[in-house]
């Protein structure tokens, strides 16, 4: 089961319960998911297949852009 599936099942179950009615496991899962969402707003989201393929091609590529060039293009001081 993926994080997304687990999160959806947990959220649905949790929405129907009070904290006092939750098991320790459910409460821990709710806290863990909430922290993950705060740290990473994309937590639980899945990439579209075309984005995933593009990333795989990029990883296999030997072409790299120096961080200094990227920073300069973005107007950042590096």
PDB file of N, CA and C in Angstrom:
ATOM      1  N   UNK A   1       0.852  -1.181   0.000  1.00  0.00           N
ATOM      2  CA  UNK A   1       0.000   0.000   0.000  1.00  0.00           C
ATOM      3  C   UNK A   1       0.896   1.243   0.000  1.00  0.00           C
ATOM      4  N   UNK A   2       0.625   2.175  -0.895  1.00  0.00           N
ATOM      5  CA  UNK A   2       1.433   3.389  -0.982  1.00  0.00           C
ATOM      6  C   UNK A   2       1.092   4.343   0.154  1.00  0.00           C
ATOM      7  N   UNK A   3       1.981   5.344   0.352  1.00  0.00           N
ATOM      8  CA  UNK A   3       1.718   6.373   1.368  1.00  0.00           C
ATOM      9  C   UNK A   3       0.405   7.080   1.080  1.00  0.00           C
ATOM     10  N   UNK A   4       0.138   7.308  -0.204  1.00  0.00           N
ATOM     11  CA  UNK A   4      -1.088   8.009  -0.592  1.00  0.00           C
ATOM     12  C   UNK A   4      -2.302   7.183  -0.201  1.00  0.00           C
ATOM     13  N   UNK A   5      -2.271   5.892  -0.549  1.00  0.00           N
ATOM     14  CA  UNK A   5      -3.404   5.028  -0.207  1.00  0.00           C
ATOM     15  C   UNK A   5      -3.571   4.929   1.299  1.00  0.00           C
ATOM     16  N   UNK A   6      -2.455   4.742   2.003  1.00  0.00           N
ATOM     17  CA  UNK A   6      -2.511   4.634   3.453  1.00  0.00           C
ATOM     18  C   UNK A   6      -3.046   5.933   4.054  1.00  0.00           C
ATOM     19  N   UNK A   7      -2.568   7.062   3.531  1.00  0.00           N
ATOM     20  CA  UNK A   7      -3.003   8.371   4.022  1.00  0.00           C
ATOM     21  C   UNK A   7      -4.480   8.598   3.796  1.00  0.00           C
ATOM     22  N   UNK A   8      -4.970   8.208   2.614  1.00  0.00           N
ATOM     23  CA  UNK A   8      -6.390   8.397   2.323  1.00  0.00           C
ATOM     24  C   UNK A   8      -7.251   7.526   3.225  1.00  0.00           C
ATOM     25  N   UNK A   9      -6.830   6.279   3.408  1.00  0.00           N
ATOM     26  CA  UNK A   9      -7.600   5.394   4.275  1.00  0.00           C
ATOM     27  C   UNK A   9      -7.573   5.900   5.714  1.00  0.00           C
ATOM     28  N   UNK A  10      -6.393   6.337   6.155  1.00  0.00           N
ATOM     29  CA  UNK A  10      -6.266   6.821   7.527  1.00  0.00           C
ATOM     30  C   UNK A  10      -7.062   8.102   7.696  1.00  0.00           C
ATOM     31  N   UNK A  11      -6.962   9.028   6.739  1.00  0.00           N
ATOM     32  CA  UNK A  11      -7.672  10.291   6.895  1.00  0.00           C
ATOM     33  C   UNK A  11      -9.170  10.070   6.979  1.00  0.00           C
ATOM     34  N   UNK A  12      -9.676   9.165   6.144  1.00  0.00           N
ATOM     35  CA  UNK A  12     -11.112   8.894   6.159  1.00  0.00           C
ATOM     36  C   UNK A  12     -11.509   8.315   7.509  1.00  0.00           C
ATOM     37  N   UNK A  13     -10.716   7.350   7.986  1.00  0.00           N
ATOM     38  CA  UNK A  13     -11.019   6.726   9.270  1.00  0.00           C
ATOM     39  C   UNK A  13     -10.902   7.740  10.395  1.00  0.00           C
ATOM     40  N   UNK A  14      -9.874   8.566  10.345  1.00  0.00           N
ATOM     41  CA  UNK A  14      -9.613   9.526  11.415  1.00  0.00           C
ATOM     42  C   UNK A  14     -10.672  10.616  11.433  1.00  0.00           C
ATOM     43  N   UNK A  15     -11.149  11.038  10.272  1.00  0.00           N
ATOM     44  CA  UNK A  15     -12.162  12.091  10.222  1.00  0.00           C
ATOM     45  C   UNK A  15     -13.425  11.684  10.964  1.00  0.00           C
ATOM     46  N   UNK A  16     -13.642  10.393  11.069  1.00  0.00           N
ATOM     47  CA  UNK A  16     -14.848   9.880  11.707  1.00  0.00           C
ATOM     48  C   UNK A  16     -14.666   9.638  13.205  1.00  0.00           C
ATOM     49  N   UNK A  17     -13.468   9.845  13.731  1.00  0.00           N
ATOM     50  CA  UNK A  17     -13.192   9.515  15.127  1.00  0.00           C
ATOM     51  C   UNK A  17     -12.744  10.731  15.920  1.00  0.00           C
ATOM     52  N   UNK A  18     -12.940  10.641  17.199  1.00  0.00           N
ATOM     53  CA  UNK A  18     -12.344  11.587  18.133  1.00  0.00           C
ATOM     54  C   UNK A  18     -10.997  11.016  18.526  1.00  0.00           C
ATOM     55  N   UNK A  19     -10.090  11.873  18.939  1.00  0.00           N
ATOM     56  CA  UNK A  19      -8.774  11.406  19.360  1.00  0.00           C
ATOM     57  C   UNK A  19      -8.922  10.368  20.468  1.00  0.00           C
ATOM     58  N   UNK A  20      -9.848  10.566  21.360  1.00  0.00           N
ATOM     59  CA  UNK A  20     -10.026   9.626  22.468  1.00  0.00           C
ATOM     60  C   UNK A  20     -10.479   8.247  21.998  1.00  0.00           C
ATOM     61  N   UNK A  21     -11.017   8.164  20.775  1.00  0.00           N
ATOM     62  CA  UNK A  21     -11.482   6.884  20.238  1.00  0.00           C
ATOM     63  C   UNK A  21     -10.439   6.211  19.344  1.00  0.00           C
ATOM     64  N   UNK A  22      -9.314   6.885  19.117  1.00  0.00           N
ATOM     65  CA  UNK A  22      -8.292   6.354  18.222  1.00  0.00           C
ATOM     66  C   UNK A  22      -7.397   5.368  18.946  1.00  0.00           C
ATOM     67  N   UNK A  23      -6.883   4.407  18.181  1.00  0.00           N
ATOM     68  CA  UNK A  23      -5.875   3.511  18.747  1.00  0.00           C
ATOM     69  C   UNK A  23      -4.552   4.273  18.762  1.00  0.00           C
ATOM     70  N   UNK A  24      -3.603   3.750  19.508  1.00  0.00           N
ATOM     71  CA  UNK A  24      -2.278   4.360  19.553  1.00  0.00           C
ATOM     72  C   UNK A  24      -1.683   4.375  18.146  1.00  0.00           C
ATOM     73  N   UNK A  25      -1.855   3.288  17.415  1.00  0.00           N
ATOM     74  CA  UNK A  25      -1.331   3.196  16.051  1.00  0.00           C
ATOM     75  C   UNK A  25      -1.944   4.274  15.156  1.00  0.00           C
ATOM     76  N   UNK A  26      -3.245   4.477  15.228  1.00  0.00           N
ATOM     77  CA  UNK A  26      -3.910   5.499  14.412  1.00  0.00           C
ATOM     78  C   UNK A  26      -3.432   6.898  14.777  1.00  0.00           C
ATOM     79  N   UNK A  27      -3.287   7.148  16.067  1.00  0.00           N
ATOM     80  CA  UNK A  27      -2.819   8.467  16.507  1.00  0.00           C
ATOM     81  C   UNK A  27      -1.393   8.728  16.034  1.00  0.00           C
ATOM     82  N   UNK A  28      -0.521   7.724  16.185  1.00  0.00           N
ATOM     83  CA  UNK A  28       0.851   7.872  15.711  1.00  0.00           C
ATOM     84  C   UNK A  28       0.884   8.126  14.205  1.00  0.00           C
ATOM     85  N   UNK A  29       0.064   7.409  13.470  1.00  0.00           N
ATOM     86  CA  UNK A  29       0.009   7.582  12.019  1.00  0.00           C
ATOM     87  C   UNK A  29      -0.479   8.979  11.656  1.00  0.00           C
ATOM     88  N   UNK A  30      -1.474   9.460  12.366  1.00  0.00           N
ATOM     89  CA  UNK A  30      -1.993  10.809  12.125  1.00  0.00           C
ATOM     90  C   UNK A  30      -0.915  11.856  12.401  1.00  0.00           C
ATOM     91  N   UNK A  31      -0.207  11.704  13.510  1.00  0.00           N
ATOM     92  CA  UNK A  31       0.864  12.645  13.859  1.00  0.00           C
ATOM     93  C   UNK A  31       1.973  12.579  12.816  1.00  0.00           C
ATOM     94  N   UNK A  32       2.386  11.371  12.433  1.00  0.00           N
ATOM     95  CA  UNK A  32       3.453  11.192  11.436  1.00  0.00           C
ATOM     96  C   UNK A  32       3.065  11.851  10.112  1.00  0.00           C
ATOM     97  N   UNK A  33       1.849  11.582   9.632  1.00  0.00           N
ATOM     98  CA  UNK A  33       1.395  12.163   8.365  1.00  0.00           C
ATOM     99  C   UNK A  33       1.305  13.682   8.442  1.00  0.00           C
ATOM    100  N   UNK A  34       0.838  14.197   9.564  1.00  0.00           N
ATOM    101  CA  UNK A  34       0.723  15.642   9.735  1.00  0.00           C
ATOM    102  C   UNK A  34       2.103  16.291   9.704  1.00  0.00           C
ATOM    103  N   UNK A  35       3.059  15.701  10.394  1.00  0.00           N
ATOM    104  CA  UNK A  35       4.428  16.239  10.381  1.00  0.00           C
ATOM    105  C   UNK A  35       5.022  16.180   8.980  1.00  0.00           C
ATOM    106  N   UNK A  36       4.815  15.072   8.284  1.00  0.00           N
ATOM    107  CA  UNK A  36       5.330  14.945   6.914  1.00  0.00           C
ATOM    108  C   UNK A  36       4.735  16.027   6.013  1.00  0.00           C
ATOM    109  N   UNK A  37       3.450  16.297   6.157  1.00  0.00           N
ATOM    110  CA  UNK A  37       2.794  17.315   5.333  1.00  0.00           C
ATOM    111  C   UNK A  37       3.323  18.714   5.659  1.00  0.00           C
ATOM    112  N   UNK A  38       3.664  18.962   6.929  1.00  0.00           N
ATOM    113  CA  UNK A  38       4.228  20.262   7.305  1.00  0.00           C
ATOM    114  C   UNK A  38       5.635  20.432   6.751  1.00  0.00           C
ATOM    115  N   UNK A  39       6.425  19.368   6.805  1.00  0.00           N
ATOM    116  CA  UNK A  39       7.801  19.412   6.325  1.00  0.00           C
ATOM    117  C   UNK A  39       7.839  19.443   4.799  1.00  0.00           C
ATOM    118  N   UNK A  40       6.998  18.621   4.175  1.00  0.00           N
ATOM    119  CA  UNK A  40       6.994  18.487   2.712  1.00  0.00           C
ATOM    120  C   UNK A  40       5.558  18.599   2.222  1.00  0.00           C
ATOM    121  N   UNK A  41       5.179  19.771   1.695  1.00  0.00           N
ATOM    122  CA  UNK A  41       3.800  19.955   1.257  1.00  0.00           C
ATOM    123  C   UNK A  41       3.387  19.007   0.132  1.00  0.00           C
ATOM    124  N   UNK A  42       4.365  18.369  -0.530  1.00  0.00           N
ATOM    125  CA  UNK A  42       4.049  17.417  -1.597  1.00  0.00           C
ATOM    126  C   UNK A  42       3.956  15.983  -1.085  1.00  0.00           C
ATOM    127  N   UNK A  43       4.093  15.793   0.223  1.00  0.00           N
ATOM    128  CA  UNK A  43       4.042  14.455   0.809  1.00  0.00           C
ATOM    129  C   UNK A  43       2.754  13.745   0.411  1.00  0.00           C
ATOM    130  N   UNK A  44       2.903  12.526  -0.050  1.00  0.00           N
ATOM    131  CA  UNK A  44       1.743  11.726  -0.406  1.00  0.00           C
ATOM    132  C   UNK A  44       1.268  11.928  -1.834  1.00  0.00           C
ATOM    133  N   UNK A  45       1.768  12.953  -2.501  1.00  0.00           N
ATOM    134  CA  UNK A  45       1.366  13.188  -3.880  1.00  0.00           C
ATOM    135  C   UNK A  45       2.208  12.306  -4.800  1.00  0.00           C
ATOM    136  N   UNK A  46       1.644  11.945  -5.932  1.00  0.00           N
ATOM    137  CA  UNK A  46       2.367  11.134  -6.893  1.00  0.00           C
ATOM    138  C   UNK A  46       2.668  11.952  -8.136  1.00  0.00           C
ATOM    139  N   UNK A  47       3.796  11.624  -8.763  1.00  0.00           N
ATOM    140  CA  UNK A  47       4.181  12.312  -9.989  1.00  0.00           C
ATOM    141  C   UNK A  47       3.383  11.758 -11.163  1.00  0.00           C
ATOM    142  N   UNK A  48       3.074  12.643 -12.105  1.00  0.00           N
ATOM    143  CA  UNK A  48       2.455  12.176 -13.344  1.00  0.00           C
ATOM    144  C   UNK A  48       3.487  11.315 -14.060  1.00  0.00           C
ATOM    145  N   UNK A  49       3.063  10.299 -14.797  1.00  0.00           N
ATOM    146  CA  UNK A  49       4.004   9.399 -15.482  1.00  0.00           C
ATOM    147  C   UNK A  49       4.998  10.132 -16.375  1.00  0.00           C
ATOM    148  N   UNK A  50       4.552  11.188 -17.082  1.00  0.00           N
ATOM    149  CA  UNK A  50       5.468  11.899 -17.975  1.00  0.00           C
ATOM    150  C   UNK A  50       6.542  12.657 -17.204  1.00  0.00           C
ATOM    151  N   UNK A  51       6.215  13.147 -16.018  1.00  0.00           N
ATOM    152  CA  UNK A  51       7.207  13.840 -15.182  1.00  0.00           C
ATOM    153  C   UNK A  51       8.211  12.819 -14.645  1.00  0.00           C
ATOM    154  N   UNK A  52       7.705  11.676 -14.230  1.00  0.00           N
ATOM    155  CA  UNK A  52       8.578  10.616 -13.725  1.00  0.00           C
ATOM    156  C   UNK A  52       9.564  10.161 -14.818  1.00  0.00           C
ATOM    157  N   UNK A  53       9.090   9.987 -16.035  1.00  0.00           N
ATOM    158  CA  UNK A  53       9.959   9.585 -17.145  1.00  0.00           C
ATOM    159  C   UNK A  53      11.003  10.658 -17.437  1.00  0.00           C
ATOM    160  N   UNK A  54      10.593  11.926 -17.402  1.00  0.00           N
ATOM    161  CA  UNK A  54      11.522  13.024 -17.640  1.00  0.00           C
ATOM    162  C   UNK A  54      12.632  13.037 -16.584  1.00  0.00           C
ATOM    163  N   UNK A  55      12.271  12.800 -15.342  1.00  0.00           N
ATOM    164  CA  UNK A  55      13.264  12.758 -14.263  1.00  0.00           C
ATOM    165  C   UNK A  55      14.232  11.582 -14.446  1.00  0.00           C
ATOM    166  N   UNK A  56      13.704  10.455 -14.854  1.00  0.00           N
ATOM    167  CA  UNK A  56      14.563   9.289 -15.091  1.00  0.00           C
ATOM    168  C   UNK A  56      15.562   9.570 -16.205  1.00  0.00           C
ATOM    169  N   UNK A  57      15.107  10.213 -17.288  1.00  0.00           N
ATOM    170  CA  UNK A  57      16.014  10.562 -18.386  1.00  0.00           C
ATOM    171  C   UNK A  57      17.081  11.552 -17.904  1.00  0.00           C
ATOM    172  N   UNK A  58      16.663  12.508 -17.089  1.00  0.00           N
ATOM    173  CA  UNK A  58      17.586  13.516 -16.573  1.00  0.00           C
ATOM    174  C   UNK A  58      18.664  12.878 -15.705  1.00  0.00           C
ATOM    175  N   UNK A  59      18.281  11.929 -14.888  1.00  0.00           N
ATOM    176  CA  UNK A  59      19.237  11.249 -14.008  1.00  0.00           C
ATOM    177  C   UNK A  59      20.263  10.471 -14.832  1.00  0.00           C
ATOM    178  N   UNK A  60      19.807   9.852 -15.912  1.00  0.00           N
ATOM    179  CA  UNK A  60      20.704   9.065 -16.761  1.00  0.00           C
ATOM    180  C   UNK A  60      21.638   9.954 -17.576  1.00  0.00           C
ATOM    181  N   UNK A  61      21.233  11.187 -17.820  1.00  0.00           N
ATOM    182  CA  UNK A  61      22.023  12.114 -18.625  1.00  0.00           C
ATOM    183  C   UNK A  61      23.296  12.517 -17.896  1.00  0.00           C
ATOM    184  N   UNK A  62      24.340  12.760 -18.674  1.00  0.00           N
ATOM    185  CA  UNK A  62      25.611  13.206 -18.089  1.00  0.00           C
ATOM    186  C   UNK A  62      25.692  14.734 -18.049  1.00  0.00           C
ATOM    187  N   UNK A  63      24.708  15.393 -18.666  1.00  0.00           N
ATOM    188  CA  UNK A  63      24.709  16.867 -18.718  1.00  0.00           C
ATOM    189  C   UNK A  63      24.349  17.432 -17.331  1.00  0.00           C
ATOM    190  N   UNK A  64      25.181  18.304 -16.844  1.00  0.00           N
ATOM    191  CA  UNK A  64      24.944  18.935 -15.543  1.00  0.00           C
ATOM    192  C   UNK A  64      25.154  20.442 -15.682  1.00  0.00           C
ATOM    193  N   UNK A  65      24.433  21.193 -14.878  1.00  0.00           N
ATOM    194  CA  UNK A  65      24.577  22.643 -14.860  1.00  0.00           C
ATOM    195  C   UNK A  65      25.200  23.036 -13.524  1.00  0.00           C
ATOM    196  N   UNK A  66      26.320  23.746 -13.564  1.00  0.00           N
ATOM    197  CA  UNK A  66      26.958  24.158 -12.304  1.00  0.00           C
ATOM    198  C   UNK A  66      26.015  25.027 -11.462  1.00  0.00           C
ATOM    199  N   UNK A  67      26.074  24.840 -10.163  1.00  0.00           N
ATOM    200  CA  UNK A  67      25.209  25.566  -9.252  1.00  0.00           C
ATOM    201  C   UNK A  67      25.406  27.074  -9.380  1.00  0.00           C
ATOM    202  N   UNK A  68      26.633  27.493  -9.659  1.00  0.00           N
ATOM    203  CA  UNK A  68      26.909  28.925  -9.806  1.00  0.00           C
ATOM    204  C   UNK A  68      26.110  29.522 -10.969  1.00  0.00           C
ATOM    205  N   UNK A  69      26.005  28.767 -12.065  1.00  0.00           N
ATOM    206  CA  UNK A  69      25.253  29.245 -13.228  1.00  0.00           C
ATOM    207  C   UNK A  69      23.759  29.341 -12.897  1.00  0.00           C
ATOM    208  N   UNK A  70      23.237  28.328 -12.227  1.00  0.00           N
ATOM    209  CA  UNK A  70      21.822  28.335 -11.838  1.00  0.00           C
ATOM    210  C   UNK A  70      21.547  29.520 -10.916  1.00  0.00           C
ATOM    211  N   UNK A  71      22.410  29.717  -9.927  1.00  0.00           N
ATOM    212  CA  UNK A  71      22.241  30.828  -8.988  1.00  0.00           C
ATOM    213  C   UNK A  71      22.261  32.157  -9.727  1.00  0.00           C
ATOM    214  N   UNK A  72      23.195  32.300 -10.655  1.00  0.00           N
ATOM    215  CA  UNK A  72      23.310  33.539 -11.422  1.00  0.00           C
ATOM    216  C   UNK A  72      22.045  33.793 -12.242  1.00  0.00           C
ATOM    217  N   UNK A  73      21.533  32.755 -12.893  1.00  0.00           N
ATOM    218  CA  UNK A  73      20.319  32.891 -13.707  1.00  0.00           C
ATOM    219  C   UNK A  73      19.110  33.269 -12.863  1.00  0.00           C
ATOM    220  N   UNK A  74      19.130  32.847 -11.603  1.00  0.00           N
ATOM    221  CA  UNK A  74      18.031  33.172 -10.695  1.00  0.00           C
ATOM    222  C   UNK A  74      18.260  34.468  -9.936  1.00  0.00           C
ATOM    223  N   UNK A  75      19.400  35.102 -10.201  1.00  0.00           N
ATOM    224  CA  UNK A  75      19.702  36.358  -9.527  1.00  0.00           C
ATOM    225  C   UNK A  75      20.131  36.177  -8.092  1.00  0.00           C
ATOM    226  N   UNK A  76      20.662  35.005  -7.780  1.00  0.00           N
ATOM    227  CA  UNK A  76      21.100  34.709  -6.409  1.00  0.00           C
ATOM    228  C   UNK A  76      22.604  34.872  -6.310  1.00  0.00           C
ATOM    229  N   UNK A  77      23.066  35.255  -5.139  1.00  0.00           N
ATOM    230  CA  UNK A  77      24.502  35.339  -4.909  1.00  0.00           C
ATOM    231  C   UNK A  77      24.951  34.039  -4.285  1.00  0.00           C
ATOM    232  N   UNK A  78      25.904  33.400  -4.923  1.00  0.00           N
ATOM    233  CA  UNK A  78      26.364  32.094  -4.446  1.00  0.00           C
ATOM    234  C   UNK A  78      27.762  32.164  -3.964  1.00  0.00           C
TER     235      UNK A  78
END
